Amino acid sequence: MKSTIRTFTIAALLVALAACSGMGPMGMMKTPDVPAAIVVPSGNKLAFALKGSGLQNYECRAKADAAGGYDWALVSPEAALRDRNDALVGKHYGGPTWEHGDGSKVSGKTLAAAPAPTPGNIPWLLLQGSPNPGNGAFSRVTYVQRINTNAGTAPSDPCNASTAGSKKQVRYSADYVFYKS
């Protein structure tokens, strides 16, 4: 009996240690394998990952570089952020900005993009983080990767002079991977 209890206790401790070993909320234990264009610079370490799901908001607008041309332009994302246990922990919105339930925020500036491995999905991105001062999950975030995207591309509806100004929402999901130096 003591041997069984000891084995169970050791197994429980090993599971607890694995959970605390730096594994991110999406269960990632190492930096994800991504295209070279969106690799995070050395000196930054994986902090955690969250699943985003929601909407990509588009508007039909005149193209700046093509007289008489129109195209769907991304206005903003609007997504819920969930941890590996599917608990709602924050939101993602225009800026782009990620806001945690603890009040911390990080905004991003797109540095690079790579086509999604599967056609019909929005590109994978590397963004440089600009965290707001203070403490919390998003404090000191240096980079954000958007990977494992699903859907979210611009609408296939006509976009022309007669539909200019119209808005469409497209469902999407993605993993957001956060790094700190």
Protein backbone atom coordinates (compact mmCIF):
# COMPACT_ATOMS: atom_id res chain seq x y z
CA MET A 1 0.00 0.00 0.00
CA LYS A 2 2.80 2.43 0.92
CA SER A 3 4.49 1.67 -2.40
CA THR A 4 1.29 2.49 -4.32
CA ILE A 5 0.84 5.78 -2.43
CA ARG A 6 4.49 6.68 -2.98
CA THR A 7 4.20 5.92 -6.73
CA PHE A 8 1.01 7.98 -6.97
CA THR A 9 2.63 10.89 -5.06
CA ILE A 10 5.72 10.86 -7.31
CA ALA A 11 3.53 10.74 -10.43
CA ALA A 12 1.44 13.66 -9.15
CA LEU A 13 4.60 15.68 -8.42
CA LEU A 14 5.97 15.00 -11.91
CA VAL A 15 2.71 16.17 -13.47
CA ALA A 16 2.78 19.33 -11.34
CA LEU A 17 6.40 20.02 -12.28
CA ALA A 18 5.62 19.59 -15.97
CA ALA A 19 2.75 22.05 -15.64
CA CYS A 20 5.07 24.63 -14.05
CA SER A 21 8.04 24.07 -16.35
CA GLY A 22 7.34 27.02 -18.63
CA MET A 23 4.72 25.31 -20.70
CA GLY A 24 2.52 28.05 -22.18
CA PRO A 25 -1.27 28.17 -21.93
CA MET A 26 -1.65 26.45 -25.30
CA GLY A 27 0.52 23.60 -24.02
CA MET A 28 3.61 24.62 -26.00
CA MET A 29 6.85 23.58 -24.36
CA LYS A 30 9.15 24.96 -27.03
CA THR A 31 9.25 27.70 -29.58
CA PRO A 32 6.88 26.79 -32.43
CA ASP A 33 8.25 25.83 -35.83
CA VAL A 34 7.47 28.79 -38.12
CA PRO A 35 8.64 30.15 -41.49
CA ALA A 36 11.96 32.04 -41.34
CA ALA A 37 10.22 35.36 -42.07
CA ILE A 38 8.42 35.34 -38.72
CA VAL A 39 11.08 33.88 -36.43
CA VAL A 40 11.48 35.89 -33.23
CA PRO A 41 14.96 37.44 -32.78
CA SER A 42 17.33 35.63 -30.45
CA GLY A 43 17.33 36.77 -26.86
CA ASN A 44 13.53 36.51 -26.58
CA LYS A 45 11.92 33.57 -24.84
CA LEU A 46 8.52 31.99 -25.24
CA ALA A 47 6.36 33.28 -22.38
CA PHE A 48 2.93 31.82 -23.19
CA ALA A 49 0.36 31.33 -25.95
CA LEU A 50 -3.35 32.04 -26.19
CA LYS A 51 -6.04 30.96 -28.64
CA GLY A 52 -7.89 33.82 -30.30
CA SER A 53 -11.26 33.32 -31.93
CA GLY A 54 -13.68 35.87 -33.23
CA LEU A 55 -14.00 38.18 -36.21
CA GLN A 56 -11.90 40.00 -38.77
CA ASN A 57 -13.78 43.22 -39.67
CA TYR A 58 -13.45 44.40 -43.28
CA GLU A 59 -14.64 47.46 -45.20
CA CYS A 60 -14.89 47.93 -48.97
CA ARG A 61 -12.60 50.89 -49.80
CA ALA A 62 -11.05 52.59 -52.80
CA LYS A 63 -7.48 51.41 -53.43
CA ALA A 64 -4.99 54.20 -52.80
CA ASP A 65 -2.64 53.03 -55.54
CA ALA A 66 -5.16 52.12 -58.24
CA ALA A 67 -7.52 54.76 -59.64
CA GLY A 68 -11.02 53.33 -59.83
CA GLY A 69 -10.01 50.16 -57.98
CA TYR A 70 -11.63 48.88 -54.80
CA ASP A 71 -10.72 46.20 -52.32
CA TRP A 72 -11.70 44.82 -48.94
CA ALA A 73 -9.51 46.43 -46.26
CA LEU A 74 -9.02 44.98 -42.80
CA VAL A 75 -10.39 47.44 -40.25
CA SER A 76 -9.82 45.50 -37.03
CA PRO A 77 -9.85 42.13 -35.32
CA GLU A 78 -12.35 41.38 -32.59
CA ALA A 79 -11.52 38.19 -30.71
CA ALA A 80 -11.73 36.43 -27.37
CA LEU A 81 -8.46 35.10 -25.94
CA ARG A 82 -8.50 31.75 -24.16
CA ASP A 83 -5.86 29.77 -22.30
CA ARG A 84 -5.09 26.05 -22.70
CA ASN A 85 -7.97 25.21 -20.37
CA ASP A 86 -10.35 27.19 -22.62
CA ALA A 87 -10.84 29.82 -19.91
CA LEU A 88 -11.53 33.33 -21.21
CA VAL A 89 -8.52 35.44 -20.17
CA GLY A 90 -8.68 38.50 -22.40
CA LYS A 91 -9.52 40.10 -25.72
CA HIS A 92 -7.86 41.15 -28.97
CA TYR A 93 -8.94 44.23 -30.88
CA GLY A 94 -7.83 47.00 -33.25
CA GLY A 95 -4.42 48.52 -32.80
CA PRO A 96 -3.69 45.60 -32.86
CA THR A 97 -3.95 45.24 -29.09
CA TRP A 98 -4.15 42.25 -26.76
CA GLU A 99 -5.69 42.97 -23.36
CA HIS A 100 -5.56 40.53 -20.47
CA GLY A 101 -8.20 40.27 -17.75
CA ASP A 102 -5.54 41.41 -15.25
CA GLY A 103 -5.55 44.85 -16.98
CA SER A 104 -2.23 44.48 -18.79
CA LYS A 105 -2.06 45.27 -22.52
CA VAL A 106 0.38 44.98 -25.39
CA SER A 107 0.07 46.60 -28.80
CA GLY A 108 1.82 45.25 -31.86
CA LYS A 109 3.47 46.58 -35.00
CA THR A 110 3.61 44.12 -37.90
CA LEU A 111 7.20 43.38 -38.87
CA ALA A 112 6.74 40.41 -41.22
CA ALA A 113 4.15 38.07 -42.68
CA ALA A 114 4.24 34.57 -44.10
CA PRO A 115 1.49 32.87 -46.07
CA ALA A 116 -0.56 30.44 -44.03
CA PRO A 117 0.35 26.85 -44.91
CA THR A 118 -3.27 26.21 -45.91
CA PRO A 119 -4.85 28.45 -48.56
CA GLY A 120 -7.90 30.43 -47.43
CA ASN A 121 -6.42 31.31 -44.04
CA ILE A 122 -5.07 34.71 -43.04
CA PRO A 123 -1.26 35.03 -43.03
CA TRP A 124 0.97 34.22 -40.10
CA LEU A 125 2.56 37.33 -38.59
CA LEU A 126 5.47 38.56 -36.50
CA LEU A 127 4.66 41.69 -34.52
CA GLN A 128 6.89 43.78 -32.31
CA GLY A 129 5.29 44.28 -28.92
CA SER A 130 4.86 47.61 -27.20
CA PRO A 131 3.49 46.81 -23.74
CA ASN A 132 1.76 49.38 -21.61
CA PRO A 133 3.50 50.14 -18.31
CA GLY A 134 2.56 48.13 -15.27
CA ASN A 135 2.42 44.52 -14.23
CA GLY A 136 0.49 41.58 -15.54
CA ALA A 137 0.60 38.86 -18.16
CA PHE A 138 1.34 41.24 -21.06
CA SER A 139 3.93 43.38 -19.28
CA ARG A 140 7.37 43.17 -20.92
CA VAL A 141 6.07 41.33 -24.03
CA THR A 142 8.59 41.99 -26.80
CA TYR A 143 7.14 40.02 -29.73
CA VAL A 144 3.89 38.34 -30.75
CA GLN A 145 3.45 35.68 -33.41
CA ARG A 146 0.08 34.93 -35.02
CA ILE A 147 0.20 31.31 -36.18
CA ASN A 148 -2.08 28.35 -36.87
CA THR A 149 -4.62 30.63 -38.49
CA ASN A 150 -8.00 29.37 -39.62
CA ALA A 151 -10.14 31.38 -42.08
CA GLY A 152 -10.38 35.18 -41.71
CA THR A 153 -9.51 36.20 -45.26
CA ALA A 154 -11.24 39.12 -46.97
CA PRO A 155 -14.81 38.51 -48.13
CA SER A 156 -15.40 37.21 -51.62
CA ASP A 157 -18.39 39.57 -52.00
CA PRO A 158 -18.06 42.22 -54.72
CA CYS A 159 -16.17 45.35 -53.70
CA ASN A 160 -16.61 48.24 -56.13
CA ALA A 161 -17.86 51.82 -56.35
CA SER A 162 -21.45 50.78 -55.64
CA THR A 163 -20.48 48.74 -52.52
CA ALA A 164 -17.83 51.15 -51.20
CA GLY A 165 -18.25 51.70 -47.47
CA SER A 166 -19.98 48.38 -46.89
CA LYS A 167 -18.69 46.30 -44.00
CA LYS A 168 -18.35 42.55 -43.56
CA GLN A 169 -17.27 40.35 -40.68
CA VAL A 170 -15.42 37.09 -41.24
CA ARG A 171 -14.90 34.47 -38.53
CA TYR A 172 -11.33 33.37 -37.77
CA SER A 173 -9.13 31.76 -35.16
CA ALA A 174 -5.40 31.85 -34.50
CA ASP A 175 -2.81 31.05 -31.88
CA TYR A 176 -1.03 34.10 -30.47
CA VAL A 177 2.41 33.31 -29.09
CA PHE A 178 3.92 35.89 -26.73
CA TYR A 179 7.65 36.37 -26.07
CA LYS A 180 9.60 38.30 -23.45
CA SER A 181 13.30 39.20 -23.36
